[in-house]
Amino acid sequence: MPAESSPAVGNLDDDDYPAYTMGRAAAILGTTPAFLRAVGEAKLITPLRSEGGHRRYSRYQLRIAARARELVDQGTPIEAACRIIILEDQLEEALRLNEEMRRQTAGGDSAGPAGGGS
């Protein structure tokens, strides 16, 4: 167990820190390492590699893989499940950007990207 002064301790709350081995990630998700390799091959997640070349997963990546597992368990082919998740993520980002632009426009920011004012 690392000492509290270890740099790894500060990463424990980081959703993007690759803290989980493939075996541990598969156990957490209740799936197999082959499933994790498949979502990686479908480009849904790209695990980081340890110095020894082993895949390491973050909590964020595990949440994405868990969503893929839900879709696959419902009968969706893995490639389609991965595409659905990618599209859901793109839609969420587009909605977030639209809302941000609406707030800027509603705030009377006539010098912003909307330009010209009312």
Protein backbone atom coordinates (compact mmCIF):
# COMPACT_ATOMS: atom_id res chain seq x y z
CA MET A 1 0.00 0.00 0.00
CA PRO A 2 1.50 3.37 -0.98
CA ALA A 3 2.37 5.95 1.61
CA GLU A 4 0.14 9.04 1.77
CA SER A 5 2.94 11.13 0.31
CA SER A 6 3.00 8.93 -2.81
CA PRO A 7 1.84 10.64 -6.04
CA ALA A 8 -0.61 7.77 -6.65
CA VAL A 9 -2.66 8.75 -3.57
CA GLY A 10 -3.60 12.05 -5.20
CA ASN A 11 -4.88 10.16 -8.26
CA LEU A 12 -7.42 8.03 -6.38
CA ASP A 13 -10.18 10.60 -6.91
CA ASP A 14 -9.26 11.16 -10.57
CA ASP A 15 -11.87 9.54 -12.87
CA ASP A 16 -9.31 9.39 -15.67
CA TYR A 17 -6.50 7.75 -13.69
CA PRO A 18 -5.84 4.23 -15.08
CA ALA A 19 -6.08 2.43 -11.75
CA TYR A 20 -7.60 -0.91 -12.76
CA THR A 21 -5.96 -3.90 -14.41
CA MET A 22 -7.92 -5.77 -17.05
CA GLY A 23 -8.69 -8.61 -14.62
CA ARG A 24 -9.91 -6.24 -11.92
CA ALA A 25 -11.93 -4.18 -14.41
CA ALA A 26 -13.60 -7.33 -15.77
CA ALA A 27 -14.41 -8.47 -12.22
CA ILE A 28 -15.92 -5.09 -11.33
CA LEU A 29 -18.09 -5.16 -14.45
CA GLY A 30 -18.99 -8.83 -14.09
CA THR A 31 -17.68 -9.56 -17.57
CA THR A 32 -14.65 -11.13 -19.21
CA PRO A 33 -11.35 -9.66 -20.36
CA ALA A 34 -12.44 -10.62 -23.90
CA PHE A 35 -15.37 -8.20 -23.59
CA LEU A 36 -13.01 -5.39 -22.57
CA ARG A 37 -10.73 -6.22 -25.50
CA ALA A 38 -13.78 -6.13 -27.82
CA VAL A 39 -14.88 -2.66 -26.70
CA GLY A 40 -11.28 -1.55 -27.16
CA GLU A 41 -11.18 -2.99 -30.69
CA ALA A 42 -14.45 -1.16 -31.44
CA LYS A 43 -12.67 2.06 -30.39
CA LEU A 44 -15.15 2.76 -27.60
CA ILE A 45 -12.40 2.98 -24.99
CA THR A 46 -8.63 2.99 -25.31
CA PRO A 47 -7.00 1.75 -22.14
CA LEU A 48 -3.61 3.08 -21.22
CA ARG A 49 -0.74 0.63 -21.06
CA SER A 50 1.54 0.00 -18.12
CA GLU A 51 5.30 -0.04 -18.64
CA GLY A 52 4.96 -3.81 -19.04
CA GLY A 53 2.32 -3.37 -21.76
CA HIS A 54 -0.69 -4.39 -19.66
CA ARG A 55 -4.03 -2.62 -20.17
CA ARG A 56 -5.09 -0.24 -17.41
CA TYR A 57 -8.59 1.22 -17.12
CA SER A 58 -9.95 4.35 -15.44
CA ARG A 59 -13.26 4.66 -13.61
CA TYR A 60 -14.58 6.74 -16.50
CA GLN A 61 -13.72 3.95 -18.94
CA LEU A 62 -15.37 1.40 -16.67
CA ARG A 63 -18.61 3.42 -16.70
CA ILE A 64 -18.55 3.46 -20.50
CA ALA A 65 -17.84 -0.27 -20.65
CA ALA A 66 -20.67 -0.89 -18.17
CA ARG A 67 -23.07 0.98 -20.48
CA ALA A 68 -21.89 -1.19 -23.39
CA ARG A 69 -22.43 -4.27 -21.25
CA GLU A 70 -26.03 -3.17 -20.54
CA LEU A 71 -26.76 -2.81 -24.25
CA VAL A 72 -25.12 -6.14 -25.10
CA ASP A 73 -27.06 -7.86 -22.32
CA GLN A 74 -30.25 -6.47 -23.94
CA GLY A 75 -29.31 -8.18 -27.22
CA THR A 76 -27.51 -5.37 -29.05
CA PRO A 77 -24.43 -6.54 -31.00
CA ILE A 78 -21.24 -5.19 -29.44
CA GLU A 79 -20.28 -3.08 -32.48
CA ALA A 80 -23.74 -1.47 -32.51
CA ALA A 81 -23.64 -0.93 -28.74
CA CYS A 82 -20.32 0.87 -29.05
CA ARG A 83 -21.64 3.06 -31.88
CA ILE A 84 -24.77 3.91 -29.86
CA ILE A 85 -22.64 5.01 -26.91
CA ILE A 86 -20.39 7.13 -29.12
CA LEU A 87 -23.45 8.82 -30.65
CA GLU A 88 -25.01 9.36 -27.21
CA ASP A 89 -21.80 11.01 -26.07
CA GLN A 90 -21.68 13.24 -29.16
CA LEU A 91 -25.32 14.25 -28.63
CA GLU A 92 -24.69 15.06 -24.96
CA GLU A 93 -21.73 17.26 -25.92
CA ALA A 94 -23.73 19.04 -28.64
CA LEU A 95 -26.58 19.72 -26.20
CA ARG A 96 -24.10 21.06 -23.65
CA LEU A 97 -22.56 23.40 -26.22
CA ASN A 98 -26.00 24.58 -27.37
CA GLU A 99 -27.01 25.35 -23.79
CA GLU A 100 -23.75 27.23 -23.23
CA MET A 101 -24.37 29.32 -26.36
CA ARG A 102 -27.97 30.03 -25.25
CA ARG A 103 -26.73 31.28 -21.88
CA GLN A 104 -24.19 33.55 -23.57
CA THR A 105 -26.83 34.92 -25.94
CA ALA A 106 -29.45 35.37 -23.19
CA GLY A 107 -26.92 37.18 -21.06
CA GLY A 108 -26.84 40.04 -23.55
CA ASP A 109 -23.29 39.29 -24.65
CA SER A 110 -23.47 41.28 -27.90
CA ALA A 111 -19.68 41.06 -28.35
CA GLY A 112 -19.76 37.24 -28.21
CA PRO A 113 -19.90 34.75 -31.05
CA ALA A 114 -23.61 35.49 -31.76
CA GLY A 115 -22.59 39.09 -32.45
CA GLY A 116 -24.71 42.11 -33.24
CA GLY A 117 -27.01 42.14 -30.21
CA SER A 118 -30.84 42.31 -30.32
